[in-house]
Amino acid sequence: MIELENLTNKDYLIYLWLHETFRVFRDRLIDENDRGKFNNLTHEFMESYLDMGWDIKNYKDVLFGDFENGSQYVKLSETNKLIPKLDECLEIYNADNSPMNLVFFSDCIQHLSRVSRVLR
């Protein structure tokens, strides 16, 4: 789903791989304990095979989507930078449809990214 020109370096490709791996496997786990184990296994894999010494917190909630930069599938900004863009999209939607009163926060944005990925 990503354009080749958006893959600018190795780190960006690994972020994309993490996002897709988390969506396919981690999202199916039922509790935080299992998701934590998955995070640790992923971290060990990255250190052993990819020579990446990232902290888990740096990639645990990485998200890709196409609703920040138009139609391009890219790594999404941090939650506090993404909220104004989502509010703007909601205002555009509300202008033409029955208004929805939504509040965007981290979990909401993660779910929105998952749904957007499935619908895309």
Protein backbone atom coordinates (compact mmCIF):
# COMPACT_ATOMS: atom_id res chain seq x y z
CA MET A 1 0.00 0.00 0.00
CA ILE A 2 2.98 2.32 0.40
CA GLU A 3 4.55 4.22 -2.46
CA LEU A 4 8.23 3.45 -3.14
CA GLU A 5 9.24 7.12 -2.81
CA ASN A 6 7.90 7.12 0.76
CA LEU A 7 10.34 4.38 1.81
CA THR A 8 13.20 6.75 2.51
CA ASN A 9 15.45 4.57 4.69
CA LYS A 10 15.87 1.29 6.57
CA ASP A 11 14.22 2.60 9.73
CA TYR A 12 11.08 3.64 7.84
CA LEU A 13 10.82 0.18 6.24
CA ILE A 14 11.17 -1.45 9.65
CA TYR A 15 8.46 0.81 11.08
CA LEU A 16 6.21 -0.31 8.23
CA TRP A 17 7.08 -3.97 8.88
CA LEU A 18 6.32 -3.51 12.59
CA HIS A 19 2.99 -1.84 11.87
CA GLU A 20 1.90 -4.60 9.51
CA THR A 21 3.14 -7.36 11.83
CA PHE A 22 1.33 -5.83 14.76
CA ARG A 23 -1.90 -5.49 12.73
CA VAL A 24 -1.78 -9.09 11.49
CA PHE A 25 -0.63 -10.82 14.67
CA ARG A 26 -0.55 -8.58 17.77
CA ASP A 27 -4.06 -7.16 17.30
CA ARG A 28 -5.48 -10.68 17.60
CA LEU A 29 -4.06 -11.23 21.08
CA ILE A 30 -6.61 -11.02 23.85
CA ASP A 31 -4.86 -9.35 26.78
CA GLU A 32 -2.06 -6.95 27.64
CA ASN A 33 0.12 -9.78 28.99
CA ASP A 34 0.12 -11.57 25.60
CA ARG A 35 0.69 -8.29 23.74
CA GLY A 36 3.63 -7.56 26.07
CA LYS A 37 5.14 -10.96 25.27
CA PHE A 38 4.70 -10.26 21.58
CA ASN A 39 6.41 -6.86 22.00
CA ASN A 40 9.35 -8.52 23.78
CA LEU A 41 9.68 -11.22 21.11
CA THR A 42 9.62 -8.58 18.40
CA HIS A 43 12.23 -6.56 20.28
CA GLU A 44 14.50 -9.63 20.61
CA PHE A 45 14.06 -10.38 16.91
CA MET A 46 14.97 -6.82 15.95
CA GLU A 47 18.10 -6.87 18.12
CA SER A 48 19.24 -10.31 16.94
CA TYR A 49 18.48 -10.24 13.22
CA LEU A 50 18.11 -6.60 12.24
CA ASP A 51 20.75 -5.10 14.53
CA MET A 52 18.22 -2.56 15.79
CA GLY A 53 18.58 -1.39 19.39
CA TRP A 54 15.26 0.46 19.64
CA ASP A 55 13.33 0.74 22.88
CA ILE A 56 9.94 -0.96 22.77
CA LYS A 57 8.20 2.33 23.52
CA ASN A 58 9.63 3.74 20.26
CA TYR A 59 7.67 1.36 18.07
CA LYS A 60 4.92 -0.19 20.20
CA ASP A 61 2.25 2.21 18.92
CA VAL A 62 3.60 3.04 15.46
CA LEU A 63 0.77 3.56 12.99
CA PHE A 64 0.50 3.92 9.24
CA GLY A 65 -2.52 5.23 7.40
CA ASP A 66 -3.77 7.33 4.53
CA PHE A 67 -5.83 9.89 6.40
CA GLU A 68 -3.09 12.33 7.39
CA ASN A 69 -1.58 13.14 3.99
CA GLY A 70 -4.49 12.70 1.61
CA SER A 71 -4.35 9.33 -0.09
CA GLN A 72 -0.72 8.38 0.61
CA TYR A 73 -0.14 5.48 3.00
CA VAL A 74 2.52 6.88 5.36
CA LYS A 75 3.70 6.72 8.96
CA LEU A 76 1.28 8.78 11.03
CA SER A 77 2.40 11.54 13.34
CA GLU A 78 2.19 11.36 17.11
CA THR A 79 -1.31 11.53 18.57
CA ASN A 80 -1.16 15.18 19.65
CA LYS A 81 -0.06 16.26 16.15
CA LEU A 82 -2.64 14.05 14.43
CA ILE A 83 -5.69 15.19 16.42
CA PRO A 84 -6.07 18.62 14.66
CA LYS A 85 -6.00 16.90 11.24
CA LEU A 86 -8.64 14.39 12.35
CA ASP A 87 -10.78 17.21 13.79
CA GLU A 88 -10.55 18.98 10.42
CA CYS A 89 -11.62 15.79 8.59
CA LEU A 90 -14.51 15.39 11.02
CA GLU A 91 -15.65 18.98 10.37
CA ILE A 92 -15.64 18.32 6.63
CA TYR A 93 -17.66 15.15 7.15
CA ASN A 94 -20.12 16.87 9.50
CA ALA A 95 -20.72 19.66 6.98
CA ASP A 96 -22.24 17.20 4.48
CA ASN A 97 -23.69 14.51 6.76
CA SER A 98 -25.46 14.03 10.07
CA PRO A 99 -23.02 15.45 12.61
CA MET A 100 -20.95 13.09 14.69
CA ASN A 101 -19.47 14.33 17.94
CA LEU A 102 -16.21 12.44 18.26
CA VAL A 103 -13.28 12.95 20.58
CA PHE A 104 -9.96 11.68 19.26
CA PHE A 105 -7.49 10.14 21.68
CA SER A 106 -4.72 7.55 21.39
CA ASP A 107 -6.85 4.38 21.52
CA CYS A 108 -9.43 5.89 19.18
CA ILE A 109 -6.74 6.80 16.64
CA GLN A 110 -5.24 3.30 16.85
CA HIS A 111 -8.65 1.77 16.11
CA LEU A 112 -9.22 4.27 13.32
CA SER A 113 -5.90 3.24 11.77
CA ARG A 114 -6.87 -0.44 11.98
CA VAL A 115 -10.30 0.12 10.42
CA SER A 116 -8.85 2.35 7.73
CA ARG A 117 -6.29 -0.33 6.86
CA VAL A 118 -9.00 -2.99 6.52
CA LEU A 119 -11.27 -0.79 4.43
CA ARG A 120 -8.45 0.34 2.18
